[in-house]
Amino acid sequence: MKDETNEEMKTFYGVVNVSHNGQVVIPARLRKDLNIIHGEQLVVVRRIDGEDMVLVKMGKMERILVECGFGLK
């Protein structure tokens, strides 16, 4: 059985604030864990209920769209 305190299982990375011009900083540890580099594009998606949002790396979003039959050209 896996130890739930294992760093690989970490999903909570902290709390971020929204700046006066709407910017947020992605915690350094999360950027490192997900290999998010300077200039990388992230897609912002809002849930249908309007309560939450998700950031998805552009490469992953392209793969999701292709799998759903919406290939980008």
N, C-alpha and C. Protein backbone atom coordinates (compact mmCIF):
# COMPACT_ATOMS: atom_id res chain seq x y z
N MET A 1 0.84 -1.19 0.00
CA MET A 1 0.00 0.00 0.00
C MET A 1 0.88 1.25 0.00
N LYS A 2 0.51 2.25 -0.80
CA LYS A 2 1.31 3.47 -0.89
C LYS A 2 1.09 4.35 0.32
N ASP A 3 2.16 5.02 0.73
CA ASP A 3 2.11 5.99 1.81
C ASP A 3 1.46 7.27 1.28
N GLU A 4 0.34 7.69 1.84
CA GLU A 4 -0.39 8.86 1.34
C GLU A 4 0.40 10.15 1.53
N THR A 5 1.44 10.16 2.35
CA THR A 5 2.23 11.37 2.55
C THR A 5 3.36 11.46 1.52
N ASN A 6 3.48 10.50 0.64
CA ASN A 6 4.50 10.47 -0.39
C ASN A 6 4.38 11.73 -1.26
N GLU A 7 5.51 12.40 -1.54
CA GLU A 7 5.50 13.62 -2.34
C GLU A 7 4.86 13.41 -3.71
N GLU A 8 4.98 12.22 -4.29
CA GLU A 8 4.39 11.95 -5.59
C GLU A 8 2.87 12.01 -5.56
N MET A 9 2.28 11.85 -4.40
CA MET A 9 0.82 11.88 -4.26
C MET A 9 0.30 13.28 -3.97
N LYS A 10 1.20 14.26 -3.84
CA LYS A 10 0.80 15.61 -3.44
C LYS A 10 -0.08 16.27 -4.49
N THR A 11 -1.22 16.80 -4.07
CA THR A 11 -2.10 17.50 -4.99
C THR A 11 -2.41 18.92 -4.51
N PHE A 12 -2.16 19.24 -3.26
CA PHE A 12 -2.39 20.58 -2.73
C PHE A 12 -1.07 21.33 -2.69
N TYR A 13 -1.00 22.45 -3.38
CA TYR A 13 0.25 23.19 -3.49
C TYR A 13 0.20 24.55 -2.83
N GLY A 14 -0.87 24.88 -2.17
CA GLY A 14 -0.95 26.16 -1.49
C GLY A 14 -2.12 26.99 -1.98
N VAL A 15 -2.13 28.23 -1.54
CA VAL A 15 -3.18 29.18 -1.90
C VAL A 15 -2.51 30.33 -2.64
N VAL A 16 -3.13 30.80 -3.72
CA VAL A 16 -2.58 31.93 -4.47
C VAL A 16 -3.55 33.10 -4.39
N ASN A 17 -3.02 34.29 -4.57
CA ASN A 17 -3.83 35.50 -4.59
C ASN A 17 -3.93 36.02 -6.02
N VAL A 18 -5.04 36.66 -6.32
CA VAL A 18 -5.22 37.31 -7.62
C VAL A 18 -4.77 38.75 -7.46
N SER A 19 -3.85 39.19 -8.35
CA SER A 19 -3.34 40.57 -8.28
C SER A 19 -4.40 41.55 -8.76
N HIS A 20 -4.12 42.83 -8.59
CA HIS A 20 -5.08 43.85 -9.01
C HIS A 20 -5.36 43.81 -10.51
N ASN A 21 -4.44 43.24 -11.31
CA ASN A 21 -4.71 43.13 -12.75
C ASN A 21 -5.05 41.71 -13.17
N GLY A 22 -5.44 40.86 -12.21
CA GLY A 22 -5.96 39.53 -12.52
C GLY A 22 -4.94 38.42 -12.65
N GLN A 23 -3.69 38.68 -12.32
CA GLN A 23 -2.66 37.66 -12.45
C GLN A 23 -2.56 36.80 -11.20
N VAL A 24 -2.21 35.54 -11.41
CA VAL A 24 -1.91 34.63 -10.30
C VAL A 24 -0.55 34.00 -10.55
N VAL A 25 0.12 33.61 -9.49
CA VAL A 25 1.41 32.95 -9.61
C VAL A 25 1.22 31.47 -9.31
N ILE A 26 1.64 30.62 -10.23
CA ILE A 26 1.57 29.17 -10.02
C ILE A 26 2.74 28.81 -9.11
N PRO A 27 2.47 28.14 -7.98
CA PRO A 27 3.55 27.81 -7.05
C PRO A 27 4.72 27.10 -7.73
N ALA A 28 5.94 27.47 -7.32
CA ALA A 28 7.16 26.95 -7.93
C ALA A 28 7.20 25.43 -7.91
N ARG A 29 6.81 24.83 -6.79
CA ARG A 29 6.86 23.36 -6.69
C ARG A 29 5.93 22.71 -7.73
N LEU A 30 4.76 23.29 -7.94
CA LEU A 30 3.82 22.76 -8.94
C LEU A 30 4.39 22.93 -10.34
N ARG A 31 4.99 24.10 -10.62
CA ARG A 31 5.61 24.30 -11.93
C ARG A 31 6.70 23.27 -12.17
N LYS A 32 7.49 22.99 -11.14
CA LYS A 32 8.56 22.00 -11.27
C LYS A 32 7.97 20.61 -11.48
N ASP A 33 7.00 20.24 -10.67
CA ASP A 33 6.40 18.90 -10.76
C ASP A 33 5.74 18.65 -12.11
N LEU A 34 5.15 19.70 -12.71
CA LEU A 34 4.46 19.55 -13.99
C LEU A 34 5.31 20.00 -15.17
N ASN A 35 6.56 20.38 -14.88
CA ASN A 35 7.48 20.82 -15.92
C ASN A 35 6.88 21.95 -16.75
N ILE A 36 6.32 22.94 -16.06
CA ILE A 36 5.78 24.13 -16.71
C ILE A 36 6.91 25.14 -16.80
N ILE A 37 7.24 25.55 -18.03
CA ILE A 37 8.36 26.45 -18.22
C ILE A 37 7.88 27.84 -18.67
N HIS A 38 8.78 28.81 -18.53
CA HIS A 38 8.49 30.19 -18.93
C HIS A 38 7.98 30.24 -20.37
N GLY A 39 6.89 30.93 -20.59
CA GLY A 39 6.34 31.09 -21.93
C GLY A 39 5.40 29.98 -22.38
N GLU A 40 5.30 28.92 -21.59
CA GLU A 40 4.41 27.82 -21.97
C GLU A 40 2.96 28.27 -21.93
N GLN A 41 2.17 27.80 -22.88
CA GLN A 41 0.76 28.16 -22.93
C GLN A 41 -0.08 27.20 -22.10
N LEU A 42 -1.00 27.78 -21.33
CA LEU A 42 -1.96 27.01 -20.55
C LEU A 42 -3.36 27.42 -21.00
N VAL A 43 -4.24 26.45 -21.11
CA VAL A 43 -5.62 26.71 -21.48
C VAL A 43 -6.43 26.84 -20.19
N VAL A 44 -7.25 27.87 -20.09
CA VAL A 44 -8.09 28.09 -18.92
C VAL A 44 -9.50 27.63 -19.26
N VAL A 45 -10.02 26.71 -18.46
CA VAL A 45 -11.34 26.13 -18.70
C VAL A 45 -12.19 26.33 -17.45
N ARG A 46 -13.43 26.75 -17.65
CA ARG A 46 -14.36 26.92 -16.54
C ARG A 46 -15.34 25.74 -16.53
N ARG A 47 -15.62 25.24 -15.34
CA ARG A 47 -16.61 24.17 -15.23
C ARG A 47 -17.98 24.68 -15.64
N ILE A 48 -18.81 23.77 -16.10
CA ILE A 48 -20.17 24.13 -16.54
C ILE A 48 -20.97 24.83 -15.45
N ASP A 49 -20.78 24.40 -14.19
CA ASP A 49 -21.53 25.03 -13.10
C ASP A 49 -20.99 26.41 -12.75
N GLY A 50 -19.87 26.79 -13.36
CA GLY A 50 -19.31 28.12 -13.14
C GLY A 50 -18.59 28.31 -11.84
N GLU A 51 -18.42 27.25 -11.07
CA GLU A 51 -17.84 27.37 -9.74
C GLU A 51 -16.32 27.26 -9.70
N ASP A 52 -15.71 26.59 -10.66
CA ASP A 52 -14.28 26.33 -10.63
C ASP A 52 -13.66 26.50 -12.00
N MET A 53 -12.33 26.56 -12.00
CA MET A 53 -11.60 26.60 -13.26
C MET A 53 -10.44 25.63 -13.19
N VAL A 54 -9.93 25.28 -14.37
CA VAL A 54 -8.83 24.34 -14.48
C VAL A 54 -7.83 24.91 -15.48
N LEU A 55 -6.55 24.74 -15.21
CA LEU A 55 -5.51 25.08 -16.17
C LEU A 55 -5.00 23.79 -16.78
N VAL A 56 -4.92 23.75 -18.11
CA VAL A 56 -4.47 22.55 -18.82
C VAL A 56 -3.34 22.97 -19.75
N LYS A 57 -2.24 22.22 -19.73
CA LYS A 57 -1.14 22.52 -20.65
C LYS A 57 -1.64 22.38 -22.08
N MET A 58 -1.23 23.29 -22.96
CA MET A 58 -1.71 23.31 -24.33
C MET A 58 -1.49 21.97 -25.03
N GLY A 59 -0.33 21.35 -24.84
CA GLY A 59 -0.06 20.06 -25.47
C GLY A 59 -1.06 19.00 -25.06
N LYS A 60 -1.42 19.00 -23.80
CA LYS A 60 -2.41 18.05 -23.28
C LYS A 60 -3.78 18.34 -23.87
N MET A 61 -4.14 19.61 -23.97
CA MET A 61 -5.44 19.99 -24.53
C MET A 61 -5.54 19.56 -25.99
N GLU A 62 -4.46 19.73 -26.73
CA GLU A 62 -4.46 19.31 -28.13
C GLU A 62 -4.71 17.80 -28.23
N ARG A 63 -4.07 17.01 -27.34
CA ARG A 63 -4.27 15.56 -27.35
C ARG A 63 -5.71 15.21 -26.98
N ILE A 64 -6.28 15.92 -26.02
CA ILE A 64 -7.67 15.68 -25.62
C ILE A 64 -8.60 15.95 -26.81
N LEU A 65 -8.39 17.07 -27.49
CA LEU A 65 -9.25 17.41 -28.64
C LEU A 65 -9.14 16.37 -29.75
N VAL A 66 -7.92 15.91 -30.03
CA VAL A 66 -7.74 14.90 -31.06
C VAL A 66 -8.46 13.60 -30.67
N GLU A 67 -8.35 13.21 -29.41
CA GLU A 67 -9.03 11.99 -28.93
C GLU A 67 -10.54 12.12 -29.04
N CYS A 68 -11.06 13.34 -28.95
CA CYS A 68 -12.50 13.57 -29.05
C CYS A 68 -12.95 13.81 -30.49
N GLY A 69 -12.00 13.75 -31.43
CA GLY A 69 -12.36 13.94 -32.83
C GLY A 69 -12.30 15.37 -33.30
N PHE A 70 -11.69 16.25 -32.50
CA PHE A 70 -11.56 17.66 -32.90
C PHE A 70 -10.10 17.98 -33.15
N GLY A 71 -9.53 17.40 -34.17
CA GLY A 71 -8.13 17.65 -34.48
C GLY A 71 -7.89 19.10 -34.85
N LEU A 72 -6.78 19.67 -34.36
CA LEU A 72 -6.43 21.06 -34.69
C LEU A 72 -5.62 21.08 -35.97
N LYS A 73 -5.93 21.99 -36.86
CA LYS A 73 -5.19 22.10 -38.12
C LYS A 73 -4.60 23.47 -38.25
